[in-house]
């Protein structure tokens, strides 16, 4: 687990200045008996470039993917990968700001577990 790389906090939103150039990574959301499981595809994003915020019913993941292969004189022929800041918001049906949050980052996939402590219907 790479929890040390993530800031998990409950605080007023400081990310309300959403830039139109931000991209959104693909994600899967699963309802579990003890909470939620969020899987986010983040190929090429370093763990220290990620920030995780929890507020009310929202889990907000933001960060940056950088192009680490930059060479002088290169000419782009085709470009499909987004290299810039991103933000992905997950709105869940109940408050999660007092839940236990656990993260695991492996092979470009971030798994976020939101443990509510009991089964909710």
PDB file of N, CA and C in Angstrom:
ATOM      1  N   UNK A   1       0.834  -1.189   0.000  1.00  0.00           N
ATOM      2  CA  UNK A   1       0.000   0.000   0.000  1.00  0.00           C
ATOM      3  C   UNK A   1       0.868   1.238   0.000  1.00  0.00           C
ATOM      4  N   UNK A   2       0.391   2.231  -0.694  1.00  0.00           N
ATOM      5  CA  UNK A   2       1.151   3.466  -0.797  1.00  0.00           C
ATOM      6  C   UNK A   2       0.390   4.621  -0.167  1.00  0.00           C
ATOM      7  N   UNK A   3      -0.256   4.366   0.977  1.00  0.00           N
ATOM      8  CA  UNK A   3      -1.048   5.396   1.627  1.00  0.00           C
ATOM      9  C   UNK A   3      -0.245   6.637   1.966  1.00  0.00           C
ATOM     10  N   UNK A   4       1.062   6.498   2.166  1.00  0.00           N
ATOM     11  CA  UNK A   4       1.874   7.652   2.514  1.00  0.00           C
ATOM     12  C   UNK A   4       1.901   8.692   1.399  1.00  0.00           C
ATOM     13  N   UNK A   5       1.613   8.281   0.165  1.00  0.00           N
ATOM     14  CA  UNK A   5       1.649   9.207  -0.958  1.00  0.00           C
ATOM     15  C   UNK A   5       0.368  10.014  -1.101  1.00  0.00           C
ATOM     16  N   UNK A   6      -0.659   9.673  -0.341  1.00  0.00           N
ATOM     17  CA  UNK A   6      -1.945  10.304  -0.527  1.00  0.00           C
ATOM     18  C   UNK A   6      -2.316  11.154   0.663  1.00  0.00           C
ATOM     19  N   UNK A   7      -2.904  12.289   0.371  1.00  0.00           N
ATOM     20  CA  UNK A   7      -3.419  13.164   1.420  1.00  0.00           C
ATOM     21  C   UNK A   7      -4.893  12.830   1.582  1.00  0.00           C
ATOM     22  N   UNK A   8      -5.264  12.277   2.716  1.00  0.00           N
ATOM     23  CA  UNK A   8      -6.655  11.957   2.986  1.00  0.00           C
ATOM     24  C   UNK A   8      -7.125  12.921   4.068  1.00  0.00           C
ATOM     25  N   UNK A   9      -8.016  13.784   3.719  1.00  0.00           N
ATOM     26  CA  UNK A   9      -8.434  14.797   4.659  1.00  0.00           C
ATOM     27  C   UNK A   9      -9.868  15.215   4.388  1.00  0.00           C
ATOM     28  N   UNK A  10     -10.494  15.757   5.379  1.00  0.00           N
ATOM     29  CA  UNK A  10     -11.802  16.362   5.229  1.00  0.00           C
ATOM     30  C   UNK A  10     -11.597  17.848   5.412  1.00  0.00           C
ATOM     31  N   UNK A  11     -11.855  18.596   4.366  1.00  0.00           N
ATOM     32  CA  UNK A  11     -11.663  20.039   4.442  1.00  0.00           C
ATOM     33  C   UNK A  11     -12.502  20.704   3.360  1.00  0.00           C
ATOM     34  N   UNK A  12     -12.702  22.016   3.442  1.00  0.00           N
ATOM     35  CA  UNK A  12     -13.440  22.700   2.385  1.00  0.00           C
ATOM     36  C   UNK A  12     -12.745  22.509   1.041  1.00  0.00           C
ATOM     37  N   UNK A  13     -13.539  22.409   0.016  1.00  0.00           N
ATOM     38  CA  UNK A  13     -12.987  22.127  -1.306  1.00  0.00           C
ATOM     39  C   UNK A  13     -12.076  23.239  -1.784  1.00  0.00           C
ATOM     40  N   UNK A  14     -10.872  22.864  -2.156  1.00  0.00           N
ATOM     41  CA  UNK A  14      -9.932  23.813  -2.734  1.00  0.00           C
ATOM     42  C   UNK A  14      -9.754  23.530  -4.214  1.00  0.00           C
ATOM     43  N   UNK A  15     -10.460  22.526  -4.719  1.00  0.00           N
ATOM     44  CA  UNK A  15     -10.321  22.139  -6.119  1.00  0.00           C
ATOM     45  C   UNK A  15     -11.486  22.627  -6.964  1.00  0.00           C
ATOM     46  N   UNK A  16     -12.194  23.639  -6.535  1.00  0.00           N
ATOM     47  CA  UNK A  16     -13.358  24.088  -7.285  1.00  0.00           C
ATOM     48  C   UNK A  16     -12.980  24.846  -8.543  1.00  0.00           C
ATOM     49  N   UNK A  17     -11.727  25.186  -8.709  1.00  0.00           N
ATOM     50  CA  UNK A  17     -11.260  25.835  -9.927  1.00  0.00           C
ATOM     51  C   UNK A  17     -10.903  24.753 -10.936  1.00  0.00           C
ATOM     52  N   UNK A  18     -11.920  24.131 -11.498  1.00  0.00           N
ATOM     53  CA  UNK A  18     -11.674  23.031 -12.426  1.00  0.00           C
ATOM     54  C   UNK A  18     -11.315  23.613 -13.787  1.00  0.00           C
ATOM     55  N   UNK A  19     -10.131  23.301 -14.237  1.00  0.00           N
ATOM     56  CA  UNK A  19      -9.634  23.775 -15.515  1.00  0.00           C
ATOM     57  C   UNK A  19     -10.216  22.908 -16.621  1.00  0.00           C
ATOM     58  N   UNK A  20     -10.666  23.527 -17.703  1.00  0.00           N
ATOM     59  CA  UNK A  20     -11.293  22.796 -18.796  1.00  0.00           C
ATOM     60  C   UNK A  20     -10.328  21.833 -19.478  1.00  0.00           C
ATOM     61  N   UNK A  21      -9.015  22.021 -19.288  1.00  0.00           N
ATOM     62  CA  UNK A  21      -8.059  21.143 -19.947  1.00  0.00           C
ATOM     63  C   UNK A  21      -7.774  19.872 -19.151  1.00  0.00           C
ATOM     64  N   UNK A  22      -8.372  19.717 -18.005  1.00  0.00           N
ATOM     65  CA  UNK A  22      -8.137  18.518 -17.205  1.00  0.00           C
ATOM     66  C   UNK A  22      -8.801  17.312 -17.858  1.00  0.00           C
ATOM     67  N   UNK A  23      -8.114  16.192 -17.808  1.00  0.00           N
ATOM     68  CA  UNK A  23      -8.677  14.959 -18.330  1.00  0.00           C
ATOM     69  C   UNK A  23      -9.195  14.116 -17.187  1.00  0.00           C
ATOM     70  N   UNK A  24     -10.022  13.126 -17.495  1.00  0.00           N
ATOM     71  CA  UNK A  24     -10.582  12.250 -16.478  1.00  0.00           C
ATOM     72  C   UNK A  24     -10.169  10.817 -16.763  1.00  0.00           C
ATOM     73  N   UNK A  25      -9.469  10.181 -15.833  1.00  0.00           N
ATOM     74  CA  UNK A  25      -9.074   8.788 -16.043  1.00  0.00           C
ATOM     75  C   UNK A  25     -10.286   7.858 -15.988  1.00  0.00           C
ATOM     76  N   UNK A  26     -10.190   6.747 -16.694  1.00  0.00           N
ATOM     77  CA  UNK A  26     -11.246   5.728 -16.669  1.00  0.00           C
ATOM     78  C   UNK A  26     -11.306   5.092 -15.285  1.00  0.00           C
ATOM     79  N   UNK A  27     -12.517   4.714 -14.865  1.00  0.00           N
ATOM     80  CA  UNK A  27     -12.682   4.148 -13.528  1.00  0.00           C
ATOM     81  C   UNK A  27     -13.832   3.156 -13.494  1.00  0.00           C
ATOM     82  N   UNK A  28     -13.736   2.223 -12.559  1.00  0.00           N
ATOM     83  CA  UNK A  28     -14.813   1.289 -12.235  1.00  0.00           C
ATOM     84  C   UNK A  28     -15.179   1.524 -10.779  1.00  0.00           C
ATOM     85  N   UNK A  29     -16.478   1.455 -10.466  1.00  0.00           N
ATOM     86  CA  UNK A  29     -16.959   1.643  -9.098  1.00  0.00           C
ATOM     87  C   UNK A  29     -17.765   0.408  -8.719  1.00  0.00           C
ATOM     88  N   UNK A  30     -17.416  -0.195  -7.586  1.00  0.00           N
ATOM     89  CA  UNK A  30     -18.089  -1.394  -7.101  1.00  0.00           C
ATOM     90  C   UNK A  30     -18.690  -1.135  -5.730  1.00  0.00           C
ATOM     91  N   UNK A  31     -19.919  -1.603  -5.504  1.00  0.00           N
ATOM     92  CA  UNK A  31     -20.535  -1.582  -4.180  1.00  0.00           C
ATOM     93  C   UNK A  31     -20.138  -2.873  -3.481  1.00  0.00           C
ATOM     94  N   UNK A  32     -19.571  -2.764  -2.300  1.00  0.00           N
ATOM     95  CA  UNK A  32     -19.132  -3.926  -1.528  1.00  0.00           C
ATOM     96  C   UNK A  32     -19.997  -4.016  -0.267  1.00  0.00           C
ATOM     97  N   UNK A  33     -19.954  -5.140   0.398  1.00  0.00           N
ATOM     98  CA  UNK A  33     -20.758  -5.313   1.615  1.00  0.00           C
ATOM     99  C   UNK A  33     -20.328  -4.354   2.722  1.00  0.00           C
ATOM    100  N   UNK A  34     -19.053  -3.936   2.720  1.00  0.00           N
ATOM    101  CA  UNK A  34     -18.552  -3.044   3.772  1.00  0.00           C
ATOM    102  C   UNK A  34     -18.207  -1.653   3.260  1.00  0.00           C
ATOM    103  N   UNK A  35     -18.642  -1.298   2.048  1.00  0.00           N
ATOM    104  CA  UNK A  35     -18.360   0.036   1.522  1.00  0.00           C
ATOM    105  C   UNK A  35     -18.271   0.049   0.013  1.00  0.00           C
ATOM    106  N   UNK A  36     -17.205   0.668  -0.489  1.00  0.00           N
ATOM    107  CA  UNK A  36     -17.036   0.886  -1.923  1.00  0.00           C
ATOM    108  C   UNK A  36     -15.623   0.546  -2.357  1.00  0.00           C
ATOM    109  N   UNK A  37     -15.490   0.141  -3.606  1.00  0.00           N
ATOM    110  CA  UNK A  37     -14.201  -0.120  -4.220  1.00  0.00           C
ATOM    111  C   UNK A  37     -14.140   0.684  -5.511  1.00  0.00           C
ATOM    112  N   UNK A  38     -13.164   1.573  -5.613  1.00  0.00           N
ATOM    113  CA  UNK A  38     -12.967   2.398  -6.805  1.00  0.00           C
ATOM    114  C   UNK A  38     -11.659   1.983  -7.458  1.00  0.00           C
ATOM    115  N   UNK A  39     -11.695   1.650  -8.736  1.00  0.00           N
ATOM    116  CA  UNK A  39     -10.476   1.298  -9.474  1.00  0.00           C
ATOM    117  C   UNK A  39     -10.279   2.348 -10.557  1.00  0.00           C
ATOM    118  N   UNK A  40      -9.102   2.963 -10.577  1.00  0.00           N
ATOM    119  CA  UNK A  40      -8.825   4.059 -11.498  1.00  0.00           C
ATOM    120  C   UNK A  40      -7.590   3.731 -12.323  1.00  0.00           C
ATOM    121  N   UNK A  41      -7.712   3.863 -13.630  1.00  0.00           N
ATOM    122  CA  UNK A  41      -6.616   3.585 -14.546  1.00  0.00           C
ATOM    123  C   UNK A  41      -5.724   4.819 -14.663  1.00  0.00           C
ATOM    124  N   UNK A  42      -4.460   4.687 -14.210  1.00  0.00           N
ATOM    125  CA  UNK A  42      -3.546   5.832 -14.152  1.00  0.00           C
ATOM    126  C   UNK A  42      -2.172   5.493 -14.713  1.00  0.00           C
ATOM    127  N   UNK A  43      -2.123   4.853 -15.847  1.00  0.00           N
ATOM    128  CA  UNK A  43      -0.840   4.487 -16.454  1.00  0.00           C
ATOM    129  C   UNK A  43       0.039   5.719 -16.618  1.00  0.00           C
ATOM    130  N   UNK A  44       1.276   5.593 -16.187  1.00  0.00           N
ATOM    131  CA  UNK A  44       2.236   6.676 -16.340  1.00  0.00           C
ATOM    132  C   UNK A  44       2.162   7.775 -15.301  1.00  0.00           C
ATOM    133  N   UNK A  45       1.278   7.644 -14.316  1.00  0.00           N
ATOM    134  CA  UNK A  45       1.164   8.652 -13.254  1.00  0.00           C
ATOM    135  C   UNK A  45       1.939   8.157 -12.043  1.00  0.00           C
ATOM    136  N   UNK A  46       2.855   9.001 -11.565  1.00  0.00           N
ATOM    137  CA  UNK A  46       3.642   8.639 -10.383  1.00  0.00           C
ATOM    138  C   UNK A  46       2.792   8.813  -9.130  1.00  0.00           C
ATOM    139  N   UNK A  47       2.922   7.918  -8.156  1.00  0.00           N
ATOM    140  CA  UNK A  47       2.131   8.027  -6.924  1.00  0.00           C
ATOM    141  C   UNK A  47       2.295   9.362  -6.209  1.00  0.00           C
ATOM    142  N   UNK A  48       3.489   9.962  -6.272  1.00  0.00           N
ATOM    143  CA  UNK A  48       3.674  11.243  -5.584  1.00  0.00           C
ATOM    144  C   UNK A  48       3.043  12.409  -6.335  1.00  0.00           C
ATOM    145  N   UNK A  49       2.428  12.154  -7.471  1.00  0.00           N
ATOM    146  CA  UNK A  49       1.701  13.181  -8.239  1.00  0.00           C
ATOM    147  C   UNK A  49       0.199  13.106  -7.973  1.00  0.00           C
ATOM    148  N   UNK A  50      -0.233  12.298  -7.004  1.00  0.00           N
ATOM    149  CA  UNK A  50      -1.648  12.090  -6.729  1.00  0.00           C
ATOM    150  C   UNK A  50      -2.073  12.757  -5.440  1.00  0.00           C
ATOM    151  N   UNK A  51      -3.323  13.192  -5.412  1.00  0.00           N
ATOM    152  CA  UNK A  51      -3.922  13.738  -4.197  1.00  0.00           C
ATOM    153  C   UNK A  51      -5.332  13.171  -4.086  1.00  0.00           C
ATOM    154  N   UNK A  52      -5.689  12.683  -2.919  1.00  0.00           N
ATOM    155  CA  UNK A  52      -7.004  12.111  -2.672  1.00  0.00           C
ATOM    156  C   UNK A  52      -7.678  12.911  -1.578  1.00  0.00           C
ATOM    157  N   UNK A  53      -8.851  13.448  -1.874  1.00  0.00           N
ATOM    158  CA  UNK A  53      -9.616  14.225  -0.905  1.00  0.00           C
ATOM    159  C   UNK A  53     -10.965  13.566  -0.714  1.00  0.00           C
ATOM    160  N   UNK A  54     -11.499  13.634   0.500  1.00  0.00           N
ATOM    161  CA  UNK A  54     -12.810  13.096   0.805  1.00  0.00           C
ATOM    162  C   UNK A  54     -13.614  14.190   1.481  1.00  0.00           C
ATOM    163  N   UNK A  55     -14.823  14.443   0.950  1.00  0.00           N
ATOM    164  CA  UNK A  55     -15.693  15.463   1.541  1.00  0.00           C
ATOM    165  C   UNK A  55     -17.139  15.060   1.335  1.00  0.00           C
ATOM    166  N   UNK A  56     -17.864  14.906   2.418  1.00  0.00           N
ATOM    167  CA  UNK A  56     -19.275  14.549   2.319  1.00  0.00           C
ATOM    168  C   UNK A  56     -19.458  13.217   1.617  1.00  0.00           C
ATOM    169  N   UNK A  57     -20.139  13.247   0.487  1.00  0.00           N
ATOM    170  CA  UNK A  57     -20.394  12.041  -0.307  1.00  0.00           C
ATOM    171  C   UNK A  57     -19.403  11.883  -1.451  1.00  0.00           C
ATOM    172  N   UNK A  58     -18.403  12.750  -1.523  1.00  0.00           N
ATOM    173  CA  UNK A  58     -17.489  12.732  -2.661  1.00  0.00           C
ATOM    174  C   UNK A  58     -16.093  12.241  -2.304  1.00  0.00           C
ATOM    175  N   UNK A  59     -15.531  11.466  -3.231  1.00  0.00           N
ATOM    176  CA  UNK A  59     -14.124  11.106  -3.224  1.00  0.00           C
ATOM    177  C   UNK A  59     -13.536  11.781  -4.449  1.00  0.00           C
ATOM    178  N   UNK A  60     -12.538  12.650  -4.253  1.00  0.00           N
ATOM    179  CA  UNK A  60     -11.966  13.427  -5.349  1.00  0.00           C
ATOM    180  C   UNK A  60     -10.502  13.047  -5.510  1.00  0.00           C
ATOM    181  N   UNK A  61     -10.173  12.558  -6.690  1.00  0.00           N
ATOM    182  CA  UNK A  61      -8.804  12.176  -7.017  1.00  0.00           C
ATOM    183  C   UNK A  61      -8.280  13.161  -8.045  1.00  0.00           C
ATOM    184  N   UNK A  62      -7.119  13.733  -7.779  1.00  0.00           N
ATOM    185  CA  UNK A  62      -6.517  14.655  -8.737  1.00  0.00           C
ATOM    186  C   UNK A  62      -5.023  14.382  -8.813  1.00  0.00           C
ATOM    187  N   UNK A  63      -4.416  14.891  -9.849  1.00  0.00           N
ATOM    188  CA  UNK A  63      -2.985  14.711 -10.015  1.00  0.00           C
ATOM    189  C   UNK A  63      -2.522  15.168 -11.377  1.00  0.00           C
ATOM    190  N   UNK A  64      -1.381  14.639 -11.783  1.00  0.00           N
ATOM    191  CA  UNK A  64      -0.777  15.045 -13.058  1.00  0.00           C
ATOM    192  C   UNK A  64      -0.028  13.873 -13.658  1.00  0.00           C
ATOM    193  N   UNK A  65      -0.185  13.717 -14.986  1.00  0.00           N
ATOM    194  CA  UNK A  65       0.659  12.780 -15.727  1.00  0.00           C
ATOM    195  C   UNK A  65       1.602  13.630 -16.561  1.00  0.00           C
ATOM    196  N   UNK A  66       2.882  13.361 -16.406  1.00  0.00           N
ATOM    197  CA  UNK A  66       3.912  14.118 -17.118  1.00  0.00           C
ATOM    198  C   UNK A  66       4.517  13.265 -18.228  1.00  0.00           C
ATOM    199  N   UNK A  67       4.914  13.927 -19.289  1.00  0.00           N
ATOM    200  CA  UNK A  67       5.611  13.249 -20.386  1.00  0.00           C
ATOM    201  C   UNK A  67       7.084  13.200 -20.008  1.00  0.00           C
ATOM    202  N   UNK A  68       7.557  12.039 -19.606  1.00  0.00           N
ATOM    203  CA  UNK A  68       8.943  11.911 -19.141  1.00  0.00           C
ATOM    204  C   UNK A  68       9.912  11.642 -20.280  1.00  0.00           C
ATOM    205  N   UNK A  69       9.427  11.473 -21.484  1.00  0.00           N
ATOM    206  CA  UNK A  69      10.322  11.320 -22.631  1.00  0.00           C
ATOM    207  C   UNK A  69      10.193  12.582 -23.492  1.00  0.00           C
ATOM    208  N   UNK A  70      11.025  13.531 -23.187  1.00  0.00           N
ATOM    209  CA  UNK A  70      11.026  14.793 -23.925  1.00  0.00           C
ATOM    210  C   UNK A  70      12.410  14.956 -24.542  1.00  0.00           C
ATOM    211  N   UNK A  71      12.439  15.066 -25.833  1.00  0.00           N
ATOM    212  CA  UNK A  71      13.713  15.196 -26.531  1.00  0.00           C
ATOM    213  C   UNK A  71      13.698  16.440 -27.406  1.00  0.00           C
ATOM    214  N   UNK A  72      14.839  17.064 -27.527  1.00  0.00           N
ATOM    215  CA  UNK A  72      14.960  18.251 -28.373  1.00  0.00           C
ATOM    216  C   UNK A  72      14.710  17.872 -29.823  1.00  0.00           C
ATOM    217  N   UNK A  73      14.047  18.734 -30.517  1.00  0.00           N
ATOM    218  CA  UNK A  73      13.848  18.553 -31.933  1.00  0.00           C
ATOM    219  C   UNK A  73      12.815  17.505 -32.313  1.00  0.00           C
ATOM    220  N   UNK A  74      12.082  17.003 -31.347  1.00  0.00           N
ATOM    221  CA  UNK A  74      11.087  15.994 -31.686  1.00  0.00           C
ATOM    222  C   UNK A  74       9.907  16.640 -32.394  1.00  0.00           C
ATOM    223  N   UNK A  75       9.313  15.885 -33.277  1.00  0.00           N
ATOM    224  CA  UNK A  75       8.121  16.339 -33.981  1.00  0.00           C
ATOM    225  C   UNK A  75       7.021  15.312 -33.746  1.00  0.00           C
ATOM    226  N   UNK A  76       5.908  15.770 -33.276  1.00  0.00           N
ATOM    227  CA  UNK A  76       4.803  14.874 -32.957  1.00  0.00           C
ATOM    228  C   UNK A  76       4.086  14.461 -34.241  1.00  0.00           C
ATOM    229  N   UNK A  77       3.944  13.159 -34.425  1.00  0.00           N
ATOM    230  CA  UNK A  77       3.211  12.620 -35.566  1.00  0.00           C
ATOM    231  C   UNK A  77       1.771  12.299 -35.168  1.00  0.00           C
ATOM    232  N   UNK A  78       1.607  11.744 -33.982  1.00  0.00           N
ATOM    233  CA  UNK A  78       0.287  11.404 -33.466  1.00  0.00           C
ATOM    234  C   UNK A  78       0.357  11.477 -31.956  1.00  0.00           C
ATOM    235  N   UNK A  79      -0.674  12.050 -31.340  1.00  0.00           N
ATOM    236  CA  UNK A  79      -0.657  12.197 -29.885  1.00  0.00           C
ATOM    237  C   UNK A  79      -2.043  11.895 -29.333  1.00  0.00           C
ATOM    238  N   UNK A  80      -2.166  10.789 -28.592  1.00  0.00           N
ATOM    239  CA  UNK A  80      -3.448  10.378 -28.038  1.00  0.00           C
ATOM    240  C   UNK A  80      -3.455  10.336 -26.516  1.00  0.00           C
ATOM    241  N   UNK A  81      -2.296  10.386 -25.879  1.00  0.00           N
ATOM    242  CA  UNK A  81      -2.196  10.293 -24.427  1.00  0.00           C
ATOM    243  C   UNK A  81      -2.212  11.697 -23.832  1.00  0.00           C
ATOM    244  N   UNK A  82      -3.070  11.910 -22.829  1.00  0.00           N
ATOM    245  CA  UNK A  82      -3.161  13.209 -22.170  1.00  0.00           C
ATOM    246  C   UNK A  82      -2.042  13.357 -21.149  1.00  0.00           C
ATOM    247  N   UNK A  83      -1.254  14.411 -21.281  1.00  0.00           N
ATOM    248  CA  UNK A  83      -0.198  14.744 -20.322  1.00  0.00           C
ATOM    249  C   UNK A  83      -0.544  16.094 -19.722  1.00  0.00           C
ATOM    250  N   UNK A  84      -1.159  16.079 -18.589  1.00  0.00           N
ATOM    251  CA  UNK A  84      -1.525  17.315 -17.903  1.00  0.00           C
ATOM    252  C   UNK A  84      -2.202  16.936 -16.589  1.00  0.00           C
ATOM    253  N   UNK A  85      -2.813  17.914 -15.972  1.00  0.00           N
ATOM    254  CA  UNK A  85      -3.538  17.680 -14.727  1.00  0.00           C
ATOM    255  C   UNK A  85      -4.828  16.920 -15.007  1.00  0.00           C
ATOM    256  N   UNK A  86      -5.243  16.137 -14.027  1.00  0.00           N
ATOM    257  CA  UNK A  86      -6.524  15.453 -14.137  1.00  0.00           C
ATOM    258  C   UNK A  86      -7.268  15.564 -12.828  1.00  0.00           C
ATOM    259  N   UNK A  87      -8.564  15.319 -12.915  1.00  0.00           N
ATOM    260  CA  UNK A  87      -9.404  15.263 -11.731  1.00  0.00           C
ATOM    261  C   UNK A  87     -10.548  14.312 -12.012  1.00  0.00           C
ATOM    262  N   UNK A  88     -10.846  13.465 -11.039  1.00  0.00           N
ATOM    263  CA  UNK A  88     -11.975  12.548 -11.155  1.00  0.00           C
ATOM    264  C   UNK A  88     -12.723  12.581  -9.840  1.00  0.00           C
ATOM    265  N   UNK A  89     -14.025  12.880  -9.926  1.00  0.00           N
ATOM    266  CA  UNK A  89     -14.883  12.949  -8.742  1.00  0.00           C
ATOM    267  C   UNK A  89     -15.833  11.764  -8.736  1.00  0.00           C
ATOM    268  N   UNK A  90     -15.944  11.137  -7.588  1.00  0.00           N
ATOM    269  CA  UNK A  90     -16.875  10.035  -7.405  1.00  0.00           C
ATOM    270  C   UNK A  90     -17.881  10.467  -6.349  1.00  0.00           C
ATOM    271  N   UNK A  91     -19.145  10.577  -6.728  1.00  0.00           N
ATOM    272  CA  UNK A  91     -20.195  10.921  -5.788  1.00  0.00           C
ATOM    273  C   UNK A  91     -20.915   9.639  -5.395  1.00  0.00           C
ATOM    274  N   UNK A  92     -20.823   9.294  -4.123  1.00  0.00           N
ATOM    275  CA  UNK A  92     -21.427   8.079  -3.601  1.00  0.00           C
ATOM    276  C   UNK A  92     -22.741   8.429  -2.909  1.00  0.00           C
ATOM    277  N   UNK A  93     -23.649   7.472  -2.744  1.00  0.00           N
ATOM    278  CA  UNK A  93     -24.981   7.787  -2.218  1.00  0.00           C
ATOM    279  C   UNK A  93     -25.044   8.127  -0.729  1.00  0.00           C
ATOM    280  N   UNK A  94     -23.956   7.969  -0.010  1.00  0.00           N
ATOM    281  CA  UNK A  94     -23.949   8.332   1.407  1.00  0.00           C
ATOM    282  C   UNK A  94     -22.611   8.970   1.763  1.00  0.00           C
ATOM    283  N   UNK A  95     -22.589   9.658   2.887  1.00  0.00           N
ATOM    284  CA  UNK A  95     -21.372  10.342   3.327  1.00  0.00           C
ATOM    285  C   UNK A  95     -20.240   9.344   3.531  1.00  0.00           C
ATOM    286  N   UNK A  96     -19.059   9.734   3.113  1.00  0.00           N
ATOM    287  CA  UNK A  96     -17.893   8.869   3.273  1.00  0.00           C
ATOM    288  C   UNK A  96     -16.738   9.578   3.965  1.00  0.00           C
ATOM    289  N   UNK A  97     -16.970  10.812   4.418  1.00  0.00           N
ATOM    290  CA  UNK A  97     -15.867  11.576   5.006  1.00  0.00           C
ATOM    291  C   UNK A  97     -15.430  11.051   6.373  1.00  0.00           C
ATOM    292  N   UNK A  98     -16.205  10.165   6.993  1.00  0.00           N
ATOM    293  CA  UNK A  98     -15.783   9.552   8.260  1.00  0.00           C
ATOM    294  C   UNK A  98     -15.433   8.083   8.093  1.00  0.00           C
ATOM    295  N   UNK A  99     -15.313   7.638   6.866  1.00  0.00           N
ATOM    296  CA  UNK A  99     -14.995   6.238   6.583  1.00  0.00           C
ATOM    297  C   UNK A  99     -13.484   6.021   6.568  1.00  0.00           C
ATOM    298  N   UNK A 100     -13.099   4.757   6.670  1.00  0.00           N
ATOM    299  CA  UNK A 100     -11.683   4.400   6.533  1.00  0.00           C
ATOM    300  C   UNK A 100     -11.368   4.294   5.051  1.00  0.00           C
ATOM    301  N   UNK A 101     -10.285   4.928   4.621  1.00  0.00           N
ATOM    302  CA  UNK A 101      -9.859   4.933   3.228  1.00  0.00           C
ATOM    303  C   UNK A 101      -8.530   4.192   3.143  1.00  0.00           C
ATOM    304  N   UNK A 102      -8.453   3.222   2.234  1.00  0.00           N
ATOM    305  CA  UNK A 102      -7.206   2.490   1.996  1.00  0.00           C
ATOM    306  C   UNK A 102      -6.929   2.535   0.500  1.00  0.00           C
ATOM    307  N   UNK A 103      -5.660   2.656   0.141  1.00  0.00           N
ATOM    308  CA  UNK A 103      -5.280   2.726  -1.267  1.00  0.00           C
ATOM    309  C   UNK A 103      -4.197   1.716  -1.581  1.00  0.00           C
ATOM    310  N   UNK A 104      -4.199   1.282  -2.821  1.00  0.00           N
ATOM    311  CA  UNK A 104      -3.148   0.411  -3.341  1.00  0.00           C
ATOM    312  C   UNK A 104      -2.893   0.846  -4.780  1.00  0.00           C
ATOM    313  N   UNK A 105      -1.623   1.016  -5.137  1.00  0.00           N
ATOM    314  CA  UNK A 105      -1.256   1.457  -6.482  1.00  0.00           C
ATOM    315  C   UNK A 105      -0.279   0.458  -7.063  1.00  0.00           C
ATOM    316  N   UNK A 106      -0.705  -0.187  -8.163  1.00  0.00           N
ATOM    317  CA  UNK A 106       0.137  -1.225  -8.745  1.00  0.00           C
ATOM    318  C   UNK A 106      -0.118  -1.283 -10.247  1.00  0.00           C
ATOM    319  N   UNK A 107       0.945  -1.338 -11.009  1.00  0.00           N
ATOM    320  CA  UNK A 107       0.878  -1.504 -12.463  1.00  0.00           C
ATOM    321  C   UNK A 107      -0.040  -0.483 -13.133  1.00  0.00           C
ATOM    322  N   UNK A 108      -0.002   0.759 -12.663  1.00  0.00           N
ATOM    323  CA  UNK A 108      -0.797   1.816 -13.275  1.00  0.00           C
ATOM    324  C   UNK A 108      -2.258   1.820 -12.886  1.00  0.00           C
ATOM    325  N   UNK A 109      -2.628   1.014 -11.896  1.00  0.00           N
ATOM    326  CA  UNK A 109      -4.012   0.953 -11.442  1.00  0.00           C
ATOM    327  C   UNK A 109      -4.062   1.358  -9.972  1.00  0.00           C
ATOM    328  N   UNK A 110      -4.907   2.346  -9.667  1.00  0.00           N
ATOM    329  CA  UNK A 110      -5.109   2.770  -8.282  1.00  0.00           C
ATOM    330  C   UNK A 110      -6.410   2.153  -7.787  1.00  0.00           C
ATOM    331  N   UNK A 111      -6.337   1.465  -6.657  1.00  0.00           N
ATOM    332  CA  UNK A 111      -7.523   0.899  -6.022  1.00  0.00           C
ATOM    333  C   UNK A 111      -7.759   1.677  -4.734  1.00  0.00           C
ATOM    334  N   UNK A 112      -8.956   2.222  -4.600  1.00  0.00           N
ATOM    335  CA  UNK A 112      -9.348   2.982  -3.415  1.00  0.00           C
ATOM    336  C   UNK A 112     -10.465   2.207  -2.731  1.00  0.00           C
ATOM    337  N   UNK A 113     -10.253   1.827  -1.486  1.00  0.00           N
ATOM    338  CA  UNK A 113     -11.283   1.138  -0.708  1.00  0.00           C
ATOM    339  C   UNK A 113     -11.853   2.121   0.304  1.00  0.00           C
ATOM    340  N   UNK A 114     -13.154   2.297   0.261  1.00  0.00           N
ATOM    341  CA  UNK A 114     -13.873   3.151   1.190  1.00  0.00           C
ATOM    342  C   UNK A 114     -14.660   2.214   2.093  1.00  0.00           C
ATOM    343  N   UNK A 115     -14.200   2.033   3.314  1.00  0.00           N
ATOM    344  CA  UNK A 115     -14.821   1.087   4.243  1.00  0.00           C
ATOM    345  C   UNK A 115     -15.766   1.846   5.167  1.00  0.00           C
ATOM    346  N   UNK A 116     -17.044   1.544   5.052  1.00  0.00           N
ATOM    347  CA  UNK A 116     -18.053   2.241   5.826  1.00  0.00           C
ATOM    348  C   UNK A 116     -18.275   1.614   7.194  1.00  0.00           C
ATOM    349  N   UNK A 117     -17.808   0.395   7.382  1.00  0.00           N
ATOM    350  CA  UNK A 117     -17.903  -0.244   8.673  1.00  0.00           C
ATOM    351  C   UNK A 117     -19.124  -1.129   8.838  1.00  0.00           C
ATOM    352  N   UNK A 118     -19.976  -1.173   7.867  1.00  0.00           N
ATOM    353  CA  UNK A 118     -21.146  -2.045   7.966  1.00  0.00           C
ATOM    354  C   UNK A 118     -21.804  -2.165   6.617  1.00  0.00           C
ATOM    355  N   UNK A 119     -22.779  -2.996   6.502  1.00  0.00           N
ATOM    356  CA  UNK A 119     -23.476  -3.145   5.218  1.00  0.00           C
ATOM    357  C   UNK A 119     -24.624  -2.162   5.173  1.00  0.00           C
ATOM    358  N   UNK A 120     -24.664  -1.414   4.084  1.00  0.00           N
ATOM    359  CA  UNK A 120     -25.728  -0.450   3.860  1.00  0.00           C
ATOM    360  C   UNK A 120     -26.553  -0.923   2.687  1.00  0.00           C
ATOM    361  N   UNK A 121     -27.805  -0.687   2.718  1.00  0.00           N
ATOM    362  CA  UNK A 121     -28.657  -1.163   1.655  1.00  0.00           C
ATOM    363  C   UNK A 121     -28.864  -0.136   0.653  1.00  0.00           C
TER     364      UNK A 121
END
